[in-house]
PDB file of N, CA and C in Angstrom:
ATOM      1  N   MET A   1     -21.170 -12.299  13.103  1.00  0.00           N
ATOM      2  CA  MET A   1     -21.269 -12.074  11.686  1.00  0.00           C
ATOM      3  C   MET A   1     -20.810 -10.667  11.306  1.00  0.00           C
ATOM      4  N   TRP A   2     -21.253  -9.676  12.083  1.00  0.00           N
ATOM      5  CA  TRP A   2     -20.884  -8.297  11.769  1.00  0.00           C
ATOM      6  C   TRP A   2     -19.389  -8.059  11.940  1.00  0.00           C
ATOM      7  N   SER A   3     -18.784  -8.729  12.898  1.00  0.00           N
ATOM      8  CA  SER A   3     -17.349  -8.523  13.094  1.00  0.00           C
ATOM      9  C   SER A   3     -16.545  -9.111  11.929  1.00  0.00           C
ATOM     10  N   ILE A   4     -17.010 -10.215  11.358  1.00  0.00           N
ATOM     11  CA  ILE A   4     -16.321 -10.796  10.204  1.00  0.00           C
ATOM     12  C   ILE A   4     -16.475  -9.888   8.986  1.00  0.00           C
ATOM     13  N   LEU A   5     -17.656  -9.365   8.781  1.00  0.00           N
ATOM     14  CA  LEU A   5     -17.890  -8.435   7.667  1.00  0.00           C
ATOM     15  C   LEU A   5     -17.061  -7.163   7.846  1.00  0.00           C
ATOM     16  N   THR A   6     -17.011  -6.645   9.057  1.00  0.00           N
ATOM     17  CA  THR A   6     -16.199  -5.461   9.336  1.00  0.00           C
ATOM     18  C   THR A   6     -14.721  -5.752   9.115  1.00  0.00           C
ATOM     19  N   GLY A   7     -14.261  -6.933   9.515  1.00  0.00           N
ATOM     20  CA  GLY A   7     -12.874  -7.320   9.287  1.00  0.00           C
ATOM     21  C   GLY A   7     -12.540  -7.395   7.822  1.00  0.00           C
ATOM     22  N   ALA A   8     -13.440  -7.944   7.010  1.00  0.00           N
ATOM     23  CA  ALA A   8     -13.203  -8.013   5.565  1.00  0.00           C
ATOM     24  C   ALA A   8     -13.150  -6.622   4.955  1.00  0.00           C
ATOM     25  N   ILE A   9     -14.048  -5.751   5.385  1.00  0.00           N
ATOM     26  CA  ILE A   9     -14.056  -4.380   4.871  1.00  0.00           C
ATOM     27  C   ILE A   9     -12.779  -3.653   5.269  1.00  0.00           C
ATOM     28  N   LEU A  10     -12.319  -3.840   6.500  1.00  0.00           N
ATOM     29  CA  LEU A  10     -11.090  -3.181   6.948  1.00  0.00           C
ATOM     30  C   LEU A  10      -9.872  -3.714   6.191  1.00  0.00           C
ATOM     31  N   ALA A  11      -9.812  -5.004   5.954  1.00  0.00           N
ATOM     32  CA  ALA A  11      -8.682  -5.568   5.223  1.00  0.00           C
ATOM     33  C   ALA A  11      -8.635  -5.019   3.800  1.00  0.00           C
ATOM     34  N   ILE A  12      -9.777  -4.932   3.144  1.00  0.00           N
ATOM     35  CA  ILE A  12      -9.826  -4.371   1.786  1.00  0.00           C
ATOM     36  C   ILE A  12      -9.499  -2.887   1.804  1.00  0.00           C
ATOM     37  N   ALA A  13      -9.992  -2.167   2.797  1.00  0.00           N
ATOM     38  CA  ALA A  13      -9.697  -0.733   2.901  1.00  0.00           C
ATOM     39  C   ALA A  13      -8.203  -0.496   3.113  1.00  0.00           C
ATOM     40  N   GLY A  14      -7.554  -1.339   3.915  1.00  0.00           N
ATOM     41  CA  GLY A  14      -6.108  -1.206   4.104  1.00  0.00           C
ATOM     42  C   GLY A  14      -5.338  -1.462   2.824  1.00  0.00           C
ATOM     43  N   LEU A  15      -5.755  -2.453   2.063  1.00  0.00           N
ATOM     44  CA  LEU A  15      -5.102  -2.711   0.778  1.00  0.00           C
ATOM     45  C   LEU A  15      -5.307  -1.548  -0.189  1.00  0.00           C
ATOM     46  N   LEU A  16      -6.500  -0.974  -0.200  1.00  0.00           N
ATOM     47  CA  LEU A  16      -6.746   0.190  -1.056  1.00  0.00           C
ATOM     48  C   LEU A  16      -5.911   1.386  -0.618  1.00  0.00           C
ATOM     49  N   TYR A  17      -5.697   1.534   0.676  1.00  0.00           N
ATOM     50  CA  TYR A  17      -4.839   2.610   1.175  1.00  0.00           C
ATOM     51  C   TYR A  17      -3.412   2.433   0.651  1.00  0.00           C
ATOM     52  N   LEU A  18      -2.909   1.207   0.711  1.00  0.00           N
ATOM     53  CA  LEU A  18      -1.559   0.940   0.205  1.00  0.00           C
ATOM     54  C   LEU A  18      -1.488   1.138  -1.301  1.00  0.00           C
ATOM     55  N   LEU A  19      -2.527   0.766  -2.015  1.00  0.00           N
ATOM     56  CA  LEU A  19      -2.558   0.950  -3.458  1.00  0.00           C
ATOM     57  C   LEU A  19      -2.575   2.430  -3.809  1.00  0.00           C
ATOM     58  N   ARG A  20      -3.303   3.214  -3.033  1.00  0.00           N
ATOM     59  CA  ARG A  20      -3.351   4.661  -3.270  1.00  0.00           C
ATOM     60  C   ARG A  20      -1.961   5.275  -3.140  1.00  0.00           C
ATOM     61  N   GLU A  21      -1.209   4.822  -2.148  1.00  0.00           N
ATOM     62  CA  GLU A  21       0.146   5.330  -1.966  1.00  0.00           C
ATOM     63  C   GLU A  21       1.038   4.957  -3.146  1.00  0.00           C
ATOM     64  N   ALA A  22       0.856   3.763  -3.679  1.00  0.00           N
ATOM     65  CA  ALA A  22       1.671   3.328  -4.807  1.00  0.00           C
ATOM     66  C   ALA A  22       1.304   4.076  -6.078  1.00  0.00           C
ATOM     67  N   LEU A  23       0.035   4.363  -6.279  1.00  0.00           N
ATOM     68  CA  LEU A  23      -0.405   5.035  -7.499  1.00  0.00           C
ATOM     69  C   LEU A  23      -0.219   6.545  -7.447  1.00  0.00           C
ATOM     70  N   ARG A  24       0.041   7.092  -6.286  1.00  0.00           N
ATOM     71  CA  ARG A  24       0.211   8.534  -6.151  1.00  0.00           C
ATOM     72  C   ARG A  24       1.569   9.016  -6.661  1.00  0.00           C
ATOM     73  N   ARG A  25       2.445   8.085  -6.959  1.00  0.00           N
ATOM     74  CA  ARG A  25       3.772   8.459  -7.439  1.00  0.00           C
ATOM     75  C   ARG A  25       3.669   9.205  -8.762  1.00  0.00           C
ATOM     76  N   ARG A  26       4.610  10.084  -9.015  1.00  0.00           N
ATOM     77  CA  ARG A  26       4.585  10.832 -10.266  1.00  0.00           C
ATOM     78  C   ARG A  26       4.972   9.918 -11.417  1.00  0.00           C
ATOM     79  N   LEU A  27       4.410  10.225 -12.568  1.00  0.00           N
ATOM     80  CA  LEU A  27       4.670   9.412 -13.741  1.00  0.00           C
ATOM     81  C   LEU A  27       6.079   9.670 -14.265  1.00  0.00           C
ATOM     82  N   SER A  28       6.618   8.671 -14.917  1.00  0.00           N
ATOM     83  CA  SER A  28       7.965   8.812 -15.457  1.00  0.00           C
ATOM     84  C   SER A  28       7.909   9.409 -16.855  1.00  0.00           C
ATOM     85  N   HIS A  29       8.993   9.989 -17.263  1.00  0.00           N
ATOM     86  CA  HIS A  29       9.149  10.538 -18.598  1.00  0.00           C
ATOM     87  C   HIS A  29      10.546  10.171 -19.088  1.00  0.00           C
ATOM     88  N   PRO A  30      10.740  10.056 -20.392  1.00  0.00           N
ATOM     89  CA  PRO A  30      12.058   9.661 -20.895  1.00  0.00           C
ATOM     90  C   PRO A  30      13.121  10.696 -20.534  1.00  0.00           C
ATOM     91  N   HIS A  31      14.235  10.230 -20.040  1.00  0.00           N
ATOM     92  CA  HIS A  31      15.358  11.104 -19.723  1.00  0.00           C
ATOM     93  C   HIS A  31      16.644  10.299 -19.834  1.00  0.00           C
ATOM     94  N   GLN A  32      17.754  10.975 -19.795  1.00  0.00           N
ATOM     95  CA  GLN A  32      19.068  10.335 -19.889  1.00  0.00           C
ATOM     96  C   GLN A  32      19.437   9.718 -18.551  1.00  0.00           C
ATOM     97  N   SER A  33      19.882   8.486 -18.569  1.00  0.00           N
ATOM     98  CA  SER A  33      20.354   7.861 -17.348  1.00  0.00           C
ATOM     99  C   SER A  33      21.818   8.209 -17.136  1.00  0.00           C
ATOM    100  N   GLU A  34      22.340   7.859 -15.985  1.00  0.00           N
ATOM    101  CA  GLU A  34      23.741   8.140 -15.681  1.00  0.00           C
ATOM    102  C   GLU A  34      24.677   7.351 -16.589  1.00  0.00           C
ATOM    103  N   GLN A  35      24.208   6.209 -17.088  1.00  0.00           N
ATOM    104  CA  GLN A  35      25.026   5.390 -17.970  1.00  0.00           C
ATOM    105  C   GLN A  35      24.989   5.889 -19.408  1.00  0.00           C
ATOM    106  N   GLY A  36      24.133   6.849 -19.722  1.00  0.00           N
ATOM    107  CA  GLY A  36      24.123   7.461 -21.039  1.00  0.00           C
ATOM    108  C   GLY A  36      22.939   7.085 -21.908  1.00  0.00           C
ATOM    109  N   GLY A  37      22.181   6.073 -21.565  1.00  0.00           N
ATOM    110  CA  GLY A  37      21.031   5.676 -22.377  1.00  0.00           C
ATOM    111  C   GLY A  37      19.746   6.315 -21.888  1.00  0.00           C
ATOM    112  N   LYS A  38      18.739   6.231 -22.733  1.00  0.00           N
ATOM    113  CA  LYS A  38      17.423   6.740 -22.331  1.00  0.00           C
ATOM    114  C   LYS A  38      16.729   5.702 -21.462  1.00  0.00           C
ATOM    115  N   THR A  39      15.981   6.187 -20.472  1.00  0.00           N
ATOM    116  CA  THR A  39      15.268   5.303 -19.565  1.00  0.00           C
ATOM    117  C   THR A  39      13.941   5.942 -19.153  1.00  0.00           C
ATOM    118  N   LEU A  40      12.992   5.115 -18.748  1.00  0.00           N
ATOM    119  CA  LEU A  40      11.718   5.610 -18.219  1.00  0.00           C
ATOM    120  C   LEU A  40      11.666   5.540 -16.703  1.00  0.00           C
ATOM    121  N   GLU A  41      12.736   5.050 -16.102  1.00  0.00           N
ATOM    122  CA  GLU A  41      12.765   4.936 -14.648  1.00  0.00           C
ATOM    123  C   GLU A  41      12.754   6.331 -14.021  1.00  0.00           C
ATOM    124  N   PRO A  42      11.877   6.569 -13.028  1.00  0.00           N
ATOM    125  CA  PRO A  42      11.828   7.889 -12.397  1.00  0.00           C
ATOM    126  C   PRO A  42      13.159   8.246 -11.735  1.00  0.00           C
ATOM    127  N   GLU A  43      13.530   9.492 -11.829  1.00  0.00           N
ATOM    128  CA  GLU A  43      14.788   9.950 -11.240  1.00  0.00           C
ATOM    129  C   GLU A  43      14.650  10.087  -9.733  1.00  0.00           C
ATOM    130  N   GLY A  44      15.603   9.546  -8.998  1.00  0.00           N
ATOM    131  CA  GLY A  44      15.661   9.716  -7.554  1.00  0.00           C
ATOM    132  C   GLY A  44      14.458   9.171  -6.801  1.00  0.00           C
ATOM    133  N   GLN A  45      13.813   8.174  -7.352  1.00  0.00           N
ATOM    134  CA  GLN A  45      12.615   7.653  -6.706  1.00  0.00           C
ATOM    135  C   GLN A  45      12.728   6.131  -6.661  1.00  0.00           C
ATOM    136  N   GLY A  46      13.102   5.629  -5.522  1.00  0.00           N
ATOM    137  CA  GLY A  46      13.244   4.192  -5.375  1.00  0.00           C
ATOM    138  C   GLY A  46      11.975   3.575  -4.829  1.00  0.00           C
ATOM    139  N   LEU A  47      12.144   2.618  -3.965  1.00  0.00           N
ATOM    140  CA  LEU A  47      10.999   1.942  -3.370  1.00  0.00           C
ATOM    141  C   LEU A  47      10.630   2.528  -2.020  1.00  0.00           C
ATOM    142  N   HIS A  48      10.946   3.791  -1.806  1.00  0.00           N
ATOM    143  CA  HIS A  48      10.646   4.430  -0.522  1.00  0.00           C
ATOM    144  C   HIS A  48       9.145   4.551  -0.285  1.00  0.00           C
ATOM    145  N   PHE A  49       8.348   4.538  -1.364  1.00  0.00           N
ATOM    146  CA  PHE A  49       6.903   4.648  -1.189  1.00  0.00           C
ATOM    147  C   PHE A  49       6.322   3.405  -0.526  1.00  0.00           C
ATOM    148  N   LEU A  50       7.081   2.311  -0.458  1.00  0.00           N
ATOM    149  CA  LEU A  50       6.623   1.102   0.207  1.00  0.00           C
ATOM    150  C   LEU A  50       7.050   1.032   1.666  1.00  0.00           C
ATOM    151  N   GLY A  51       7.734   2.042   2.152  1.00  0.00           N
ATOM    152  CA  GLY A  51       8.270   2.021   3.504  1.00  0.00           C
ATOM    153  C   GLY A  51       7.207   2.003   4.586  1.00  0.00           C
ATOM    154  N   LEU A  52       7.588   1.487   5.729  1.00  0.00           N
ATOM    155  CA  LEU A  52       6.667   1.376   6.863  1.00  0.00           C
ATOM    156  C   LEU A  52       6.272   2.746   7.405  1.00  0.00           C
ATOM    157  N   SER A  53       7.184   3.715   7.347  1.00  0.00           N
ATOM    158  CA  SER A  53       6.889   5.026   7.919  1.00  0.00           C
ATOM    159  C   SER A  53       5.786   5.756   7.163  1.00  0.00           C
ATOM    160  N   ARG A  54       5.633   5.518   5.869  1.00  0.00           N
ATOM    161  CA  ARG A  54       4.588   6.174   5.092  1.00  0.00           C
ATOM    162  C   ARG A  54       3.275   5.403   5.096  1.00  0.00           C
ATOM    163  N   ASN A  55       3.358   4.092   5.268  1.00  0.00           N
ATOM    164  CA  ASN A  55       2.184   3.254   5.089  1.00  0.00           C
ATOM    165  C   ASN A  55       1.697   2.577   6.362  1.00  0.00           C
ATOM    166  N   TRP A  56       2.148   3.015   7.515  1.00  0.00           N
ATOM    167  CA  TRP A  56       1.752   2.343   8.746  1.00  0.00           C
ATOM    168  C   TRP A  56       0.243   2.368   8.983  1.00  0.00           C
ATOM    169  N   PRO A  57      -0.490   3.425   8.610  1.00  0.00           N
ATOM    170  CA  PRO A  57      -1.947   3.357   8.828  1.00  0.00           C
ATOM    171  C   PRO A  57      -2.595   2.219   8.024  1.00  0.00           C
ATOM    172  N   GLY A  58      -2.143   2.002   6.807  1.00  0.00           N
ATOM    173  CA  GLY A  58      -2.684   0.914   6.003  1.00  0.00           C
ATOM    174  C   GLY A  58      -2.386  -0.442   6.602  1.00  0.00           C
ATOM    175  N   PHE A  59      -1.160  -0.606   7.121  1.00  0.00           N
ATOM    176  CA  PHE A  59      -0.799  -1.880   7.746  1.00  0.00           C
ATOM    177  C   PHE A  59      -1.606  -2.115   9.025  1.00  0.00           C
ATOM    178  N   VAL A  60      -1.878  -1.061   9.776  1.00  0.00           N
ATOM    179  CA  VAL A  60      -2.671  -1.199  11.000  1.00  0.00           C
ATOM    180  C   VAL A  60      -4.115  -1.570  10.650  1.00  0.00           C
ATOM    181  N   ILE A  61      -4.667  -0.941   9.630  1.00  0.00           N
ATOM    182  CA  ILE A  61      -6.035  -1.253   9.201  1.00  0.00           C
ATOM    183  C   ILE A  61      -6.132  -2.708   8.758  1.00  0.00           C
ATOM    184  N   ILE A  62      -5.139  -3.169   7.999  1.00  0.00           N
ATOM    185  CA  ILE A  62      -5.126  -4.562   7.552  1.00  0.00           C
ATOM    186  C   ILE A  62      -5.008  -5.506   8.743  1.00  0.00           C
ATOM    187  N   ALA A  63      -4.136  -5.177   9.697  1.00  0.00           N
ATOM    188  CA  ALA A  63      -3.952  -6.044  10.868  1.00  0.00           C
ATOM    189  C   ALA A  63      -5.230  -6.152  11.691  1.00  0.00           C
ATOM    190  N   VAL A  64      -5.918  -5.033  11.900  1.00  0.00           N
ATOM    191  CA  VAL A  64      -7.174  -5.061  12.655  1.00  0.00           C
ATOM    192  C   VAL A  64      -8.219  -5.879  11.892  1.00  0.00           C
ATOM    193  N   GLY A  65      -8.258  -5.706  10.576  1.00  0.00           N
ATOM    194  CA  GLY A  65      -9.196  -6.480   9.767  1.00  0.00           C
ATOM    195  C   GLY A  65      -8.916  -7.970   9.832  1.00  0.00           C
ATOM    196  N   ILE A  66      -7.641  -8.357   9.787  1.00  0.00           N
ATOM    197  CA  ILE A  66      -7.286  -9.774   9.867  1.00  0.00           C
ATOM    198  C   ILE A  66      -7.634 -10.334  11.243  1.00  0.00           C
ATOM    199  N   LEU A  67      -7.388  -9.560  12.289  1.00  0.00           N
ATOM    200  CA  LEU A  67      -7.760 -10.029  13.635  1.00  0.00           C
ATOM    201  C   LEU A  67      -9.270 -10.222  13.763  1.00  0.00           C
ATOM    202  N   LEU A  68     -10.028  -9.305  13.202  1.00  0.00           N
ATOM    203  CA  LEU A  68     -11.487  -9.465  13.251  1.00  0.00           C
ATOM    204  C   LEU A  68     -11.938 -10.656  12.415  1.00  0.00           C
ATOM    205  N   LEU A  69     -11.280 -10.896  11.286  1.00  0.00           N
ATOM    206  CA  LEU A  69     -11.629 -12.065  10.483  1.00  0.00           C
ATOM    207  C   LEU A  69     -11.286 -13.358  11.220  1.00  0.00           C
ATOM    208  N   ALA A  70     -10.141 -13.369  11.878  1.00  0.00           N
ATOM    209  CA  ALA A  70      -9.691 -14.589  12.555  1.00  0.00           C
ATOM    210  C   ALA A  70     -10.508 -14.886  13.814  1.00  0.00           C
ATOM    211  N   PHE A  71     -10.803 -13.856  14.588  1.00  0.00           N
ATOM    212  CA  PHE A  71     -11.457 -14.065  15.871  1.00  0.00           C
ATOM    213  C   PHE A  71     -12.886 -13.511  15.893  1.00  0.00           C
ATOM    214  N   GLY A  72     -13.420 -13.126  14.753  1.00  0.00           N
ATOM    215  CA  GLY A  72     -14.744 -12.541  14.702  1.00  0.00           C
ATOM    216  C   GLY A  72     -15.861 -13.484  15.080  1.00  0.00           C
ATOM    217  N   GLY A  73     -15.665 -14.759  14.861  1.00  0.00           N
ATOM    218  CA  GLY A  73     -16.689 -15.723  15.218  1.00  0.00           C
ATOM    219  C   GLY A  73     -16.808 -15.923  16.720  1.00  0.00           C
ATOM    220  N   LEU A  74     -15.817 -15.505  17.462  1.00  0.00           N
ATOM    221  CA  LEU A  74     -15.841 -15.676  18.917  1.00  0.00           C
ATOM    222  C   LEU A  74     -16.670 -14.602  19.626  1.00  0.00           C
ATOM    223  N   PHE A  75     -16.878 -13.474  18.959  1.00  0.00           N
ATOM    224  CA  PHE A  75     -17.587 -12.360  19.606  1.00  0.00           C
ATOM    225  C   PHE A  75     -19.064 -12.420  19.352  1.00  0.00           C
TER     226      PHE A  75
END
């Protein structure tokens, strides 16, 4: 029972870690785009915040939590 509860907590904690990384990005402000119109898209900031190199601890926490959820009843 405790391993399943721990797995659920770890899975949620990993998701919160990933959410923290996504929300830590700087806010956008209106500026001129290269095409000449105004845009709210952040300058020079793509989807790099979703990369594996920045978020590997969150993915590991989620993986351990899922393993405990899947096999927690066996322990």
